[in-house]
Amino acid sequence: MKILRFLTILAPMLALAAAAPVGQSAVADTAEVKRGWLGVYTDDLSKPMLVALDIDRGVLVTEVADESPAAKAGLESGDVITFLDGEPTSDGSALRWAVRDRPNKTVVVRLRRRGKEKKMQVTLAAREVSEQIYSFQWPELPREALRATAQVLREAGPKLKMELERSDLTLDSLREEMLQLKRELGELRQKLTEKQKSE
């Protein structure tokens, strides 16, 4: 079968690529980064509460931390924050994300207080926090494998397309072929590993 032969040709190349030494695929590092801090505790508003307040969105301030940027700017418990720097705040998570990326920045907070709209300028504080930073390293295919794969694809592409269009393969038979290929790939990886150890 053409499809199986095509995949069988590719299998050794994939095994060679998988065996190429590239280190870890994802490298994690811990770094101290600055994050913005407003200093409020919030609660999400239910739909009935939004209707009662006659607003489409907002986050209820349940408590303001002492000496926080929010306290210095005059925010109070019971305020409903609707926008931060023009970004709508539909829930506490959206508000936190909007604040965290603006350390030491002055932002405009729009809120609803006792039925009236208010605007306040708040200078956010900065807090240093430890965060995991991930960098990804993608495998580097050997040049000969890349060249051979490109050649096979060029030659087999049109034929493979016609075969797929005319194919009457069932899902079960495709699964069986994929399992067979996985087994063959496993054997190839094992042989390559043993060869590398013996060299």
N, C-alpha and C. Protein backbone atom coordinates (compact mmCIF):
# COMPACT_ATOMS: atom_id res chain seq x y z
N MET A 1 0.84 -1.20 0.00
CA MET A 1 0.00 0.00 0.00
C MET A 1 0.87 1.24 0.00
N LYS A 2 0.54 2.22 -0.89
CA LYS A 2 1.41 3.37 -1.08
C LYS A 2 1.58 4.19 0.20
N ILE A 3 0.48 4.38 0.93
CA ILE A 3 0.54 5.20 2.15
C ILE A 3 1.49 4.57 3.15
N LEU A 4 1.37 3.26 3.32
CA LEU A 4 2.23 2.56 4.28
C LEU A 4 3.68 2.64 3.84
N ARG A 5 3.94 2.49 2.53
CA ARG A 5 5.31 2.56 2.05
C ARG A 5 5.89 3.96 2.27
N PHE A 6 5.05 4.96 2.02
CA PHE A 6 5.49 6.34 2.22
C PHE A 6 5.87 6.60 3.68
N LEU A 7 4.99 6.14 4.59
CA LEU A 7 5.27 6.34 6.02
C LEU A 7 6.48 5.53 6.46
N THR A 8 6.67 4.36 5.85
CA THR A 8 7.82 3.53 6.19
C THR A 8 9.12 4.21 5.77
N ILE A 9 9.08 4.94 4.65
CA ILE A 9 10.27 5.68 4.20
C ILE A 9 10.59 6.80 5.19
N LEU A 10 9.54 7.44 5.69
CA LEU A 10 9.74 8.55 6.62
C LEU A 10 10.15 8.09 8.02
N ALA A 11 9.78 6.88 8.40
CA ALA A 11 10.01 6.40 9.76
C ALA A 11 11.48 6.49 10.19
N PRO A 12 12.45 5.99 9.38
CA PRO A 12 13.85 6.08 9.81
C PRO A 12 14.31 7.52 9.99
N MET A 13 13.80 8.42 9.14
CA MET A 13 14.18 9.83 9.27
C MET A 13 13.65 10.43 10.56
N LEU A 14 12.41 10.09 10.88
CA LEU A 14 11.82 10.58 12.14
C LEU A 14 12.58 10.03 13.34
N ALA A 15 12.98 8.77 13.25
CA ALA A 15 13.74 8.17 14.34
C ALA A 15 15.09 8.85 14.50
N LEU A 16 15.74 9.16 13.37
CA LEU A 16 17.03 9.84 13.40
C LEU A 16 16.89 11.22 14.03
N ALA A 17 15.81 11.90 13.67
CA ALA A 17 15.56 13.23 14.24
C ALA A 17 15.30 13.14 15.74
N ALA A 18 14.54 12.10 16.14
CA ALA A 18 14.21 11.94 17.57
C ALA A 18 15.45 11.64 18.38
N ALA A 19 16.44 10.98 17.76
CA ALA A 19 17.65 10.59 18.48
C ALA A 19 18.68 11.71 18.53
N ALA A 20 18.46 12.80 17.77
CA ALA A 20 19.44 13.89 17.74
C ALA A 20 19.52 14.55 19.11
N PRO A 21 20.75 14.76 19.63
CA PRO A 21 20.88 15.35 20.97
C PRO A 21 20.58 16.84 20.93
N VAL A 22 19.56 17.26 21.66
CA VAL A 22 19.20 18.68 21.68
C VAL A 22 18.98 19.19 23.10
N GLY A 23 19.18 18.39 24.12
CA GLY A 23 18.92 18.83 25.49
C GLY A 23 17.44 18.80 25.77
N GLN A 24 17.01 19.61 26.73
CA GLN A 24 15.61 19.63 27.12
C GLN A 24 14.79 20.43 26.11
N SER A 25 13.52 20.06 25.97
CA SER A 25 12.66 20.80 25.06
C SER A 25 12.13 22.07 25.72
N ALA A 26 12.03 22.07 27.05
CA ALA A 26 11.60 23.27 27.76
C ALA A 26 12.49 23.48 28.96
N VAL A 27 13.09 24.68 29.05
CA VAL A 27 14.00 24.98 30.15
C VAL A 27 13.33 25.99 31.05
N ALA A 28 13.20 25.64 32.34
CA ALA A 28 12.55 26.53 33.29
C ALA A 28 13.61 27.24 34.13
N ASP A 29 13.37 28.52 34.40
CA ASP A 29 14.28 29.29 35.23
C ASP A 29 13.44 30.19 36.12
N THR A 30 13.89 30.43 37.32
CA THR A 30 13.17 31.30 38.25
C THR A 30 13.77 32.69 38.19
N ALA A 31 12.93 33.69 38.02
CA ALA A 31 13.41 35.06 37.94
C ALA A 31 12.53 35.96 38.79
N GLU A 32 13.17 37.00 39.35
CA GLU A 32 12.44 38.00 40.11
C GLU A 32 11.90 39.05 39.13
N VAL A 33 10.59 39.22 39.10
CA VAL A 33 9.99 40.20 38.19
C VAL A 33 9.08 41.13 38.98
N LYS A 34 8.90 42.34 38.46
CA LYS A 34 8.04 43.32 39.11
C LYS A 34 6.63 43.22 38.56
N ARG A 35 5.67 43.19 39.47
CA ARG A 35 4.26 43.14 39.09
C ARG A 35 3.51 44.29 39.76
N GLY A 36 2.55 44.83 39.02
CA GLY A 36 1.75 45.93 39.55
C GLY A 36 0.86 45.48 40.71
N TRP A 37 0.60 46.41 41.64
CA TRP A 37 -0.24 46.11 42.81
C TRP A 37 -1.18 47.28 43.06
N LEU A 38 -2.48 46.97 43.13
CA LEU A 38 -3.50 47.99 43.39
C LEU A 38 -3.88 48.01 44.87
N GLY A 39 -4.04 46.82 45.44
CA GLY A 39 -4.34 46.76 46.87
C GLY A 39 -5.81 46.69 47.21
N VAL A 40 -6.58 45.92 46.40
CA VAL A 40 -8.01 45.74 46.71
C VAL A 40 -8.34 44.26 46.72
N TYR A 41 -9.31 43.90 47.53
CA TYR A 41 -9.90 42.56 47.51
C TYR A 41 -11.23 42.71 46.78
N THR A 42 -11.52 41.78 45.90
CA THR A 42 -12.70 41.95 45.05
C THR A 42 -13.60 40.71 45.06
N ASP A 43 -14.78 40.92 44.53
CA ASP A 43 -15.73 39.82 44.36
C ASP A 43 -16.46 40.05 43.03
N ASP A 44 -16.73 38.97 42.33
CA ASP A 44 -17.44 39.10 41.06
C ASP A 44 -18.92 39.36 41.32
N LEU A 45 -19.54 40.09 40.42
CA LEU A 45 -20.96 40.43 40.55
C LEU A 45 -21.82 39.46 39.76
N SER A 46 -22.92 39.03 40.36
CA SER A 46 -23.86 38.15 39.67
C SER A 46 -24.69 38.98 38.69
N LYS A 47 -25.38 38.30 37.78
CA LYS A 47 -26.21 39.00 36.80
C LYS A 47 -27.30 39.85 37.47
N PRO A 48 -28.00 39.31 38.48
CA PRO A 48 -29.01 40.15 39.15
C PRO A 48 -28.41 41.42 39.77
N MET A 49 -27.17 41.30 40.30
CA MET A 49 -26.52 42.48 40.90
C MET A 49 -26.16 43.51 39.83
N LEU A 50 -25.70 43.01 38.67
CA LEU A 50 -25.39 43.92 37.57
C LEU A 50 -26.64 44.66 37.11
N VAL A 51 -27.77 43.92 37.03
CA VAL A 51 -29.04 44.53 36.62
C VAL A 51 -29.47 45.57 37.65
N ALA A 52 -29.33 45.23 38.93
CA ALA A 52 -29.73 46.15 40.00
C ALA A 52 -28.89 47.43 39.97
N LEU A 53 -27.59 47.28 39.61
CA LEU A 53 -26.71 48.44 39.56
C LEU A 53 -26.78 49.18 38.22
N ASP A 54 -27.53 48.58 37.27
CA ASP A 54 -27.69 49.15 35.93
C ASP A 54 -26.35 49.31 35.20
N ILE A 55 -25.53 48.24 35.27
CA ILE A 55 -24.25 48.22 34.56
C ILE A 55 -24.09 46.88 33.84
N ASP A 56 -23.22 46.86 32.83
CA ASP A 56 -22.99 45.63 32.05
C ASP A 56 -21.90 44.76 32.64
N ARG A 57 -20.98 45.39 33.35
CA ARG A 57 -19.82 44.66 33.88
C ARG A 57 -19.31 45.39 35.10
N GLY A 58 -18.41 44.74 35.82
CA GLY A 58 -17.80 45.41 36.97
C GLY A 58 -17.33 44.41 38.02
N VAL A 59 -16.45 44.90 38.89
CA VAL A 59 -15.90 44.09 39.98
C VAL A 59 -16.13 44.84 41.29
N LEU A 60 -16.74 44.15 42.23
CA LEU A 60 -17.05 44.77 43.52
C LEU A 60 -15.82 44.78 44.42
N VAL A 61 -15.48 45.95 44.96
CA VAL A 61 -14.38 46.07 45.92
C VAL A 61 -14.93 45.73 47.30
N THR A 62 -14.44 44.64 47.88
CA THR A 62 -14.93 44.23 49.20
C THR A 62 -14.06 44.77 50.33
N GLU A 63 -12.79 45.06 50.03
CA GLU A 63 -11.89 45.58 51.06
C GLU A 63 -10.72 46.29 50.38
N VAL A 64 -10.25 47.36 51.02
CA VAL A 64 -9.09 48.10 50.51
C VAL A 64 -7.96 47.97 51.52
N ALA A 65 -6.80 47.53 51.06
CA ALA A 65 -5.65 47.34 51.96
C ALA A 65 -5.12 48.70 52.43
N ASP A 66 -4.75 48.75 53.71
CA ASP A 66 -4.20 49.98 54.28
C ASP A 66 -2.91 50.37 53.56
N GLU A 67 -2.74 51.66 53.35
CA GLU A 67 -1.52 52.21 52.73
C GLU A 67 -1.27 51.69 51.32
N SER A 68 -2.29 51.14 50.70
CA SER A 68 -2.15 50.63 49.33
C SER A 68 -2.38 51.76 48.33
N PRO A 69 -1.99 51.57 47.08
CA PRO A 69 -2.28 52.59 46.06
C PRO A 69 -3.77 52.91 45.98
N ALA A 70 -4.63 51.89 46.13
CA ALA A 70 -6.07 52.10 46.08
C ALA A 70 -6.53 53.00 47.23
N ALA A 71 -6.00 52.74 48.43
CA ALA A 71 -6.37 53.54 49.60
C ALA A 71 -5.91 54.98 49.43
N LYS A 72 -4.68 55.17 48.92
CA LYS A 72 -4.15 56.53 48.74
C LYS A 72 -4.95 57.32 47.70
N ALA A 73 -5.50 56.59 46.71
CA ALA A 73 -6.27 57.26 45.66
C ALA A 73 -7.71 57.54 46.09
N GLY A 74 -8.17 56.89 47.19
CA GLY A 74 -9.52 57.15 47.68
C GLY A 74 -10.55 56.09 47.34
N LEU A 75 -10.13 54.91 46.86
CA LEU A 75 -11.10 53.84 46.61
C LEU A 75 -11.65 53.33 47.94
N GLU A 76 -12.91 52.90 47.93
CA GLU A 76 -13.57 52.45 49.15
C GLU A 76 -14.25 51.09 48.93
N SER A 77 -14.52 50.41 50.05
CA SER A 77 -15.33 49.19 49.98
C SER A 77 -16.70 49.54 49.45
N GLY A 78 -17.22 48.70 48.56
CA GLY A 78 -18.52 48.97 47.96
C GLY A 78 -18.42 49.61 46.58
N ASP A 79 -17.23 50.14 46.24
CA ASP A 79 -17.03 50.65 44.88
C ASP A 79 -17.10 49.50 43.89
N VAL A 80 -17.57 49.79 42.69
CA VAL A 80 -17.59 48.79 41.62
C VAL A 80 -16.69 49.30 40.50
N ILE A 81 -15.54 48.65 40.31
CA ILE A 81 -14.60 49.05 39.27
C ILE A 81 -15.10 48.51 37.93
N THR A 82 -15.28 49.41 36.97
CA THR A 82 -15.81 49.00 35.66
C THR A 82 -14.74 49.02 34.56
N PHE A 83 -13.76 49.94 34.68
CA PHE A 83 -12.68 50.03 33.69
C PHE A 83 -11.37 50.37 34.38
N LEU A 84 -10.28 49.85 33.83
CA LEU A 84 -8.95 50.26 34.28
C LEU A 84 -8.14 50.61 33.03
N ASP A 85 -7.80 51.88 32.93
CA ASP A 85 -7.08 52.38 31.74
C ASP A 85 -7.80 52.02 30.45
N GLY A 86 -9.11 52.12 30.46
CA GLY A 86 -9.90 51.86 29.26
C GLY A 86 -10.22 50.40 29.01
N GLU A 87 -9.64 49.51 29.82
CA GLU A 87 -9.92 48.08 29.66
C GLU A 87 -11.08 47.68 30.57
N PRO A 88 -12.11 47.04 30.02
CA PRO A 88 -13.25 46.63 30.86
C PRO A 88 -12.84 45.56 31.87
N THR A 89 -13.37 45.66 33.06
CA THR A 89 -13.08 44.67 34.10
C THR A 89 -14.37 43.91 34.39
N SER A 90 -14.47 42.72 33.80
CA SER A 90 -15.69 41.93 33.94
C SER A 90 -15.63 40.99 35.14
N ASP A 91 -14.40 40.71 35.62
CA ASP A 91 -14.24 39.85 36.80
C ASP A 91 -12.91 40.15 37.48
N GLY A 92 -12.73 39.56 38.65
CA GLY A 92 -11.51 39.81 39.42
C GLY A 92 -10.25 39.41 38.69
N SER A 93 -10.33 38.33 37.93
CA SER A 93 -9.17 37.85 37.19
C SER A 93 -8.73 38.87 36.14
N ALA A 94 -9.69 39.44 35.40
CA ALA A 94 -9.38 40.45 34.39
C ALA A 94 -8.73 41.67 35.02
N LEU A 95 -9.21 42.06 36.19
CA LEU A 95 -8.64 43.21 36.90
C LEU A 95 -7.20 42.92 37.32
N ARG A 96 -6.96 41.74 37.88
CA ARG A 96 -5.61 41.37 38.32
C ARG A 96 -4.63 41.38 37.16
N TRP A 97 -5.05 40.82 36.00
CA TRP A 97 -4.17 40.78 34.84
C TRP A 97 -3.89 42.18 34.31
N ALA A 98 -4.88 43.05 34.37
CA ALA A 98 -4.68 44.42 33.90
C ALA A 98 -3.70 45.17 34.80
N VAL A 99 -3.76 44.88 36.11
CA VAL A 99 -2.90 45.57 37.08
C VAL A 99 -1.47 45.02 37.05
N ARG A 100 -1.33 43.71 36.94
CA ARG A 100 0.00 43.07 37.09
C ARG A 100 1.02 43.54 36.06
N ASP A 101 0.57 43.93 34.89
CA ASP A 101 1.50 44.34 33.84
C ASP A 101 1.80 45.84 33.84
N ARG A 102 1.38 46.55 34.91
CA ARG A 102 1.59 48.00 34.96
C ARG A 102 2.25 48.44 36.26
N PRO A 103 3.37 47.86 36.65
CA PRO A 103 4.02 48.30 37.89
C PRO A 103 4.50 49.75 37.77
N ASN A 104 4.29 50.51 38.84
CA ASN A 104 4.74 51.91 38.94
C ASN A 104 4.09 52.84 37.90
N LYS A 105 2.98 52.40 37.30
CA LYS A 105 2.32 53.24 36.29
C LYS A 105 1.09 53.90 36.89
N THR A 106 0.80 55.10 36.40
CA THR A 106 -0.43 55.79 36.80
C THR A 106 -1.54 55.41 35.84
N VAL A 107 -2.64 54.90 36.40
CA VAL A 107 -3.75 54.43 35.57
C VAL A 107 -5.03 55.18 35.94
N VAL A 108 -5.98 55.16 35.00
CA VAL A 108 -7.29 55.78 35.25
C VAL A 108 -8.28 54.67 35.59
N VAL A 109 -8.87 54.76 36.76
CA VAL A 109 -9.86 53.78 37.21
C VAL A 109 -11.25 54.42 37.12
N ARG A 110 -12.14 53.77 36.36
CA ARG A 110 -13.53 54.20 36.32
C ARG A 110 -14.33 53.28 37.22
N LEU A 111 -15.20 53.86 38.04
CA LEU A 111 -15.97 53.04 38.98
C LEU A 111 -17.35 53.63 39.20
N ARG A 112 -18.18 52.78 39.80
CA ARG A 112 -19.54 53.20 40.17
C ARG A 112 -19.59 53.22 41.70
N ARG A 113 -19.96 54.40 42.26
CA ARG A 113 -20.07 54.53 43.72
C ARG A 113 -21.42 55.13 44.06
N ARG A 114 -22.22 54.34 44.77
CA ARG A 114 -23.56 54.76 45.18
C ARG A 114 -24.34 55.36 44.02
N GLY A 115 -24.30 54.66 42.87
CA GLY A 115 -25.09 55.04 41.71
C GLY A 115 -24.48 56.11 40.83
N LYS A 116 -23.30 56.63 41.21
CA LYS A 116 -22.67 57.68 40.41
C LYS A 116 -21.35 57.19 39.81
N GLU A 117 -21.07 57.66 38.59
CA GLU A 117 -19.81 57.34 37.92
C GLU A 117 -18.70 58.22 38.46
N LYS A 118 -17.54 57.63 38.68
CA LYS A 118 -16.39 58.40 39.15
C LYS A 118 -15.15 57.95 38.37
N LYS A 119 -14.20 58.86 38.22
CA LYS A 119 -12.90 58.56 37.62
C LYS A 119 -11.82 58.92 38.61
N MET A 120 -10.83 58.03 38.76
CA MET A 120 -9.72 58.29 39.68
C MET A 120 -8.41 57.92 39.03
N GLN A 121 -7.39 58.69 39.35
CA GLN A 121 -6.04 58.33 38.91
C GLN A 121 -5.35 57.60 40.05
N VAL A 122 -4.79 56.46 39.74
CA VAL A 122 -4.12 55.65 40.76
C VAL A 122 -2.72 55.31 40.25
N THR A 123 -1.72 55.57 41.08
CA THR A 123 -0.35 55.15 40.75
C THR A 123 -0.11 53.79 41.39
N LEU A 124 -0.04 52.78 40.55
CA LEU A 124 0.14 51.42 41.04
C LEU A 124 1.53 51.23 41.64
N ALA A 125 1.60 50.41 42.67
CA ALA A 125 2.89 50.08 43.27
C ALA A 125 3.51 48.91 42.50
N ALA A 126 4.74 48.58 42.84
CA ALA A 126 5.42 47.44 42.21
C ALA A 126 5.85 46.46 43.30
N ARG A 127 5.58 45.20 43.06
CA ARG A 127 6.01 44.15 43.98
C ARG A 127 6.90 43.17 43.23
N GLU A 128 7.97 42.75 43.87
CA GLU A 128 8.84 41.75 43.24
C GLU A 128 8.34 40.36 43.61
N VAL A 129 8.14 39.55 42.59
CA VAL A 129 7.68 38.18 42.80
C VAL A 129 8.55 37.23 42.01
N SER A 130 8.62 35.99 42.49
CA SER A 130 9.38 34.96 41.77
C SER A 130 8.45 34.27 40.78
N GLU A 131 8.89 34.19 39.54
CA GLU A 131 8.09 33.51 38.52
C GLU A 131 8.95 32.56 37.73
N GLN A 132 8.30 31.48 37.27
CA GLN A 132 8.98 30.51 36.41
C GLN A 132 8.98 31.05 34.99
N ILE A 133 10.17 31.18 34.41
CA ILE A 133 10.30 31.62 33.02
C ILE A 133 10.69 30.40 32.19
N TYR A 134 9.94 30.15 31.14
CA TYR A 134 10.20 28.99 30.29
C TYR A 134 10.74 29.43 28.94
N SER A 135 11.79 28.75 28.51
CA SER A 135 12.29 28.95 27.15
C SER A 135 12.29 27.60 26.46
N PHE A 136 11.87 27.58 25.22
CA PHE A 136 11.71 26.33 24.49
C PHE A 136 12.82 26.15 23.46
N GLN A 137 13.35 24.93 23.41
CA GLN A 137 14.35 24.59 22.41
C GLN A 137 13.76 23.52 21.51
N TRP A 138 13.69 23.83 20.23
CA TRP A 138 13.12 22.88 19.29
C TRP A 138 14.22 21.99 18.72
N PRO A 139 13.92 20.71 18.47
CA PRO A 139 14.92 19.80 17.95
C PRO A 139 15.47 20.28 16.61
N GLU A 140 16.76 20.07 16.42
CA GLU A 140 17.40 20.45 15.17
C GLU A 140 17.63 19.18 14.36
N LEU A 141 16.95 19.10 13.22
CA LEU A 141 17.06 17.90 12.39
C LEU A 141 18.41 17.88 11.68
N PRO A 142 19.05 16.71 11.59
CA PRO A 142 20.27 16.60 10.79
C PRO A 142 19.98 16.99 9.34
N ARG A 143 20.95 17.65 8.69
CA ARG A 143 20.73 18.15 7.33
C ARG A 143 20.37 17.04 6.35
N GLU A 144 21.06 15.88 6.52
CA GLU A 144 20.78 14.80 5.57
C GLU A 144 19.35 14.30 5.70
N ALA A 145 18.82 14.30 6.95
CA ALA A 145 17.43 13.87 7.16
C ALA A 145 16.45 14.87 6.54
N LEU A 146 16.76 16.17 6.69
CA LEU A 146 15.91 17.20 6.09
C LEU A 146 15.89 17.09 4.57
N ARG A 147 17.08 16.92 3.98
CA ARG A 147 17.16 16.82 2.52
C ARG A 147 16.40 15.60 2.02
N ALA A 148 16.60 14.47 2.69
CA ALA A 148 15.94 13.23 2.26
C ALA A 148 14.43 13.33 2.41
N THR A 149 13.96 13.95 3.52
CA THR A 149 12.53 14.11 3.74
C THR A 149 11.91 15.01 2.68
N ALA A 150 12.60 16.12 2.37
CA ALA A 150 12.09 17.04 1.35
C ALA A 150 11.99 16.34 0.00
N GLN A 151 13.00 15.50 -0.33
CA GLN A 151 12.99 14.78 -1.60
C GLN A 151 11.82 13.80 -1.67
N VAL A 152 11.61 13.05 -0.57
CA VAL A 152 10.52 12.07 -0.53
C VAL A 152 9.17 12.77 -0.68
N LEU A 153 9.02 13.91 0.01
CA LEU A 153 7.75 14.64 -0.07
C LEU A 153 7.50 15.17 -1.48
N ARG A 154 8.56 15.67 -2.13
CA ARG A 154 8.40 16.16 -3.50
C ARG A 154 7.96 15.05 -4.45
N GLU A 155 8.60 13.88 -4.29
CA GLU A 155 8.31 12.77 -5.19
C GLU A 155 6.96 12.13 -4.90
N ALA A 156 6.64 11.97 -3.62
CA ALA A 156 5.45 11.21 -3.26
C ALA A 156 4.21 12.06 -3.09
N GLY A 157 4.39 13.39 -2.97
CA GLY A 157 3.25 14.27 -2.70
C GLY A 157 2.06 14.07 -3.62
N PRO A 158 2.21 14.26 -4.94
CA PRO A 158 1.06 14.12 -5.84
C PRO A 158 0.45 12.72 -5.81
N LYS A 159 1.31 11.68 -5.78
CA LYS A 159 0.81 10.30 -5.75
C LYS A 159 0.06 10.03 -4.44
N LEU A 160 0.63 10.54 -3.36
CA LEU A 160 -0.01 10.33 -2.05
C LEU A 160 -1.38 10.99 -2.01
N LYS A 161 -1.48 12.21 -2.59
CA LYS A 161 -2.77 12.90 -2.60
C LYS A 161 -3.81 12.09 -3.36
N MET A 162 -3.42 11.56 -4.56
CA MET A 162 -4.35 10.74 -5.34
C MET A 162 -4.75 9.48 -4.58
N GLU A 163 -3.77 8.89 -3.90
CA GLU A 163 -4.04 7.65 -3.15
C GLU A 163 -5.03 7.92 -2.02
N LEU A 164 -4.83 9.06 -1.33
CA LEU A 164 -5.73 9.40 -0.23
C LEU A 164 -7.14 9.69 -0.73
N GLU A 165 -7.23 10.33 -1.91
CA GLU A 165 -8.55 10.64 -2.47
C GLU A 165 -9.30 9.37 -2.87
N ARG A 166 -8.55 8.36 -3.37
CA ARG A 166 -9.19 7.11 -3.81
C ARG A 166 -9.25 6.05 -2.71
N SER A 167 -8.62 6.36 -1.56
CA SER A 167 -8.45 5.33 -0.53
C SER A 167 -9.78 4.91 0.09
N ASP A 168 -9.90 3.61 0.32
CA ASP A 168 -11.07 3.07 1.01
C ASP A 168 -10.66 2.52 2.37
N LEU A 169 -9.56 3.09 2.91
CA LEU A 169 -9.07 2.63 4.20
C LEU A 169 -10.09 2.92 5.29
N THR A 170 -10.21 1.99 6.22
CA THR A 170 -11.08 2.21 7.37
C THR A 170 -10.26 2.82 8.49
N LEU A 171 -10.96 3.39 9.47
CA LEU A 171 -10.28 3.98 10.61
C LEU A 171 -9.50 2.93 11.38
N ASP A 172 -10.05 1.73 11.50
CA ASP A 172 -9.37 0.66 12.22
C ASP A 172 -8.07 0.25 11.54
N SER A 173 -8.10 0.17 10.19
CA SER A 173 -6.88 -0.24 9.49
C SER A 173 -5.81 0.84 9.60
N LEU A 174 -6.22 2.12 9.59
CA LEU A 174 -5.26 3.20 9.78
C LEU A 174 -4.64 3.17 11.17
N ARG A 175 -5.48 2.88 12.16
CA ARG A 175 -4.97 2.77 13.53
C ARG A 175 -3.95 1.65 13.64
N GLU A 176 -4.24 0.51 12.98
CA GLU A 176 -3.34 -0.63 13.02
C GLU A 176 -2.00 -0.27 12.36
N GLU A 177 -2.06 0.45 11.25
CA GLU A 177 -0.83 0.85 10.57
C GLU A 177 -0.02 1.81 11.43
N MET A 178 -0.71 2.74 12.11
CA MET A 178 -0.01 3.68 12.98
C MET A 178 0.65 2.97 14.15
N LEU A 179 -0.03 1.97 14.71
CA LEU A 179 0.56 1.19 15.80
C LEU A 179 1.80 0.46 15.33
N GLN A 180 1.72 -0.12 14.12
CA GLN A 180 2.87 -0.81 13.55
C GLN A 180 4.05 0.15 13.36
N LEU A 181 3.75 1.35 12.87
CA LEU A 181 4.81 2.35 12.69
C LEU A 181 5.43 2.76 14.02
N LYS A 182 4.59 2.91 15.05
CA LYS A 182 5.11 3.27 16.38
C LYS A 182 6.05 2.20 16.89
N ARG A 183 5.67 0.92 16.66
CA ARG A 183 6.54 -0.17 17.10
C ARG A 183 7.87 -0.11 16.37
N GLU A 184 7.81 0.12 15.04
CA GLU A 184 9.04 0.18 14.24
C GLU A 184 9.91 1.36 14.67
N LEU A 185 9.28 2.49 14.95
CA LEU A 185 10.03 3.65 15.42
C LEU A 185 10.72 3.36 16.75
N GLY A 186 10.00 2.69 17.65
CA GLY A 186 10.58 2.32 18.94
C GLY A 186 11.81 1.44 18.76
N GLU A 187 11.71 0.46 17.85
CA GLU A 187 12.84 -0.42 17.59
C GLU A 187 14.02 0.34 17.01
N LEU A 188 13.72 1.27 16.08
CA LEU A 188 14.80 2.08 15.48
C LEU A 188 15.49 2.96 16.52
N ARG A 189 14.69 3.57 17.40
CA ARG A 189 15.29 4.40 18.47
C ARG A 189 16.20 3.57 19.35
N GLN A 190 15.73 2.34 19.70
CA GLN A 190 16.52 1.47 20.55
C GLN A 190 17.84 1.10 19.88
N LYS A 191 17.79 0.77 18.57
CA LYS A 191 19.01 0.42 17.83
C LYS A 191 19.98 1.58 17.76
N LEU A 192 19.43 2.80 17.52
CA LEU A 192 20.29 3.99 17.46
C LEU A 192 20.95 4.26 18.80
N THR A 193 20.16 4.09 19.88
CA THR A 193 20.71 4.31 21.23
C THR A 193 21.82 3.32 21.53
N GLU A 194 21.60 2.05 21.18
CA GLU A 194 22.62 1.02 21.42
C GLU A 194 23.86 1.31 20.59
N LYS A 195 23.67 1.78 19.36
CA LYS A 195 24.81 2.09 18.49
C LYS A 195 25.62 3.25 19.06
N GLN A 196 24.92 4.27 19.57
CA GLN A 196 25.61 5.42 20.14
C GLN A 196 26.39 5.03 21.40
N LYS A 197 25.83 4.11 22.18
CA LYS A 197 26.53 3.66 23.40
C LYS A 197 27.79 2.87 23.09
N SER A 198 27.73 2.11 21.99
CA SER A 198 28.87 1.27 21.64
C SER A 198 30.00 2.06 20.97
N GLU A 199 29.67 3.25 20.46
CA GLU A 199 30.73 4.03 19.78
C GLU A 199 31.61 4.77 20.77
